[in-house]
Amino acid sequence: MRVFVVENSRPVMEALKALISDVGNVEIVGCAQGEACAQDEIRRSRPDVVVLDIRISGGSGLNILNNIRRDKQTRPVIIVFSGEAEDAYRRTCLKLGADYFFVKSSEFHRVAEVLSSLADRRA
């Protein structure tokens, strides 16, 4: 299963990459910190899953989420992984088409759990 990570913070990006690398049958196909780069690279790499932060360099993860969902050629699973714990963010992201929403400070491990479950279903 191919995963693309969009994360603004370098330390969080590295922690996510380490976490994801421990999940079997999962390959990280790209990473980005900014909106423009993420948009282009997601289109190019066609991942099965996108792990997406809301607050990113040069834009918004919400814009990326909107653009991914408008693209009819690809339908990756989207895991929003945010520092924003307010329910309004969760509701907005799920309404825009996110499949999952996890808060960085309290649900970090959930990303690996979901990826493992998705990878098992594909195998």
Protein backbone atom coordinates (compact mmCIF):
# COMPACT_ATOMS: atom_id res chain seq x y z
CA MET A 1 0.00 0.00 0.00
CA ARG A 2 1.39 3.37 -1.04
CA VAL A 3 1.31 6.28 1.44
CA PHE A 4 2.01 9.99 0.96
CA VAL A 5 2.61 12.23 4.00
CA VAL A 6 1.89 15.98 4.14
CA GLU A 7 3.19 17.45 7.39
CA ASN A 8 4.42 20.96 8.22
CA SER A 9 6.68 20.04 11.16
CA ARG A 10 9.96 18.29 10.32
CA PRO A 11 10.13 16.43 13.72
CA VAL A 12 6.54 15.22 13.37
CA MET A 13 7.24 14.22 9.74
CA GLU A 14 10.22 12.13 10.86
CA ALA A 15 8.20 10.51 13.66
CA LEU A 16 5.39 9.69 11.22
CA LYS A 17 7.82 8.20 8.72
CA ALA A 18 9.31 5.99 11.44
CA LEU A 19 5.84 4.93 12.62
CA ILE A 20 4.65 4.16 9.09
CA SER A 21 7.86 2.27 8.23
CA ASP A 22 7.04 -0.20 10.99
CA VAL A 23 3.71 -1.13 9.36
CA GLY A 24 3.94 -4.18 7.11
CA ASN A 25 3.06 -3.97 3.41
CA VAL A 26 3.22 -0.16 3.44
CA GLU A 27 5.55 2.02 1.37
CA ILE A 28 6.01 5.78 1.78
CA VAL A 29 5.96 7.14 -1.78
CA GLY A 30 6.42 10.79 -0.93
CA CYS A 31 6.43 13.55 1.63
CA ALA A 32 5.75 17.28 1.45
CA GLN A 33 5.61 20.22 3.82
CA GLY A 34 3.87 22.75 1.57
CA GLU A 35 0.62 22.90 -0.34
CA ALA A 36 1.91 23.42 -3.90
CA CYS A 37 4.49 20.65 -3.69
CA ALA A 38 1.99 18.30 -2.03
CA GLN A 39 -0.64 18.87 -4.72
CA ASP A 40 1.79 18.07 -7.54
CA GLU A 41 3.42 15.09 -5.85
CA ILE A 42 0.13 13.49 -4.81
CA ARG A 43 -1.12 13.73 -8.39
CA ARG A 44 2.14 12.26 -9.69
CA SER A 45 2.56 9.42 -7.17
CA ARG A 46 -1.11 8.35 -6.95
CA PRO A 47 -0.94 7.03 -3.37
CA ASP A 48 -3.48 4.70 -1.81
CA VAL A 49 -3.44 6.76 1.40
CA VAL A 50 -2.65 10.39 2.18
CA VAL A 51 -1.76 11.40 5.76
CA LEU A 52 -2.57 15.11 5.80
CA ASP A 53 -1.90 17.93 8.25
CA ILE A 54 -4.29 20.90 8.20
CA ARG A 55 -1.74 23.66 8.82
CA ILE A 56 1.02 23.48 6.24
CA SER A 57 3.53 25.80 4.59
CA GLY A 58 2.16 28.06 1.90
CA GLY A 59 -1.45 27.03 2.24
CA SER A 60 -3.92 24.70 3.87
CA GLY A 61 -4.44 20.99 4.12
CA LEU A 62 -8.13 21.71 3.60
CA ASN A 63 -7.33 22.92 0.07
CA ILE A 64 -5.45 19.70 -0.60
CA LEU A 65 -8.34 17.66 0.80
CA ASN A 66 -10.79 19.50 -1.48
CA ASN A 67 -8.60 19.00 -4.54
CA ILE A 68 -8.06 15.30 -3.88
CA ARG A 69 -11.78 14.71 -3.52
CA ARG A 70 -12.54 16.64 -6.74
CA ASP A 71 -10.09 14.50 -8.73
CA LYS A 72 -12.21 11.69 -10.14
CA GLN A 73 -9.20 9.66 -11.33
CA THR A 74 -7.95 8.81 -7.87
CA ARG A 75 -9.64 8.11 -4.56
CA PRO A 76 -7.03 7.66 -1.83
CA VAL A 77 -7.99 7.12 1.78
CA ILE A 78 -7.36 10.40 3.58
CA ILE A 79 -6.20 10.47 7.18
CA VAL A 80 -6.20 14.02 8.54
CA PHE A 81 -3.55 14.19 11.25
CA SER A 82 -3.80 17.54 12.98
CA GLY A 83 -2.77 19.50 16.02
CA GLU A 84 -6.23 21.03 16.01
CA ALA A 85 -8.30 19.21 18.61
CA GLU A 86 -11.54 21.18 18.28
CA ASP A 87 -14.56 19.22 17.09
CA ALA A 88 -15.26 21.88 14.46
CA TYR A 89 -12.06 20.90 12.62
CA ARG A 90 -12.99 17.22 12.81
CA ARG A 91 -16.50 17.87 11.47
CA THR A 92 -15.21 20.11 8.67
CA CYS A 93 -12.61 17.60 7.52
CA LEU A 94 -15.02 14.69 7.57
CA LYS A 95 -17.61 16.77 5.70
CA LEU A 96 -14.99 17.61 3.04
CA GLY A 97 -14.28 13.92 2.53
CA ALA A 98 -11.60 12.86 5.00
CA ASP A 99 -11.94 9.21 5.95
CA TYR A 100 -10.28 9.62 9.37
CA PHE A 101 -9.33 12.51 11.65
CA PHE A 102 -6.74 12.08 14.39
CA VAL A 103 -5.31 14.60 16.84
CA LYS A 104 -1.50 14.54 16.97
CA SER A 105 -1.21 14.96 20.73
CA SER A 106 -3.54 12.13 21.71
CA GLU A 107 -4.05 9.82 18.72
CA PHE A 108 -0.60 9.47 17.14
CA HIS A 109 -0.71 5.65 17.34
CA ARG A 110 -4.06 5.54 15.49
CA VAL A 111 -2.35 6.31 12.17
CA ALA A 112 -0.39 3.06 12.35
CA GLU A 113 -3.48 1.12 13.45
CA VAL A 114 -5.51 2.34 10.47
CA LEU A 115 -2.68 1.77 8.00
CA SER A 116 -2.15 -1.75 9.31
CA SER A 117 -5.85 -2.52 9.01
CA LEU A 118 -6.02 -1.09 5.47
CA ALA A 119 -2.90 -3.00 4.41
CA ASP A 120 -4.32 -6.25 5.82
CA ARG A 121 -7.55 -5.76 3.87
CA ARG A 122 -5.63 -5.21 0.63
CA ALA A 123 -3.40 -8.26 1.12
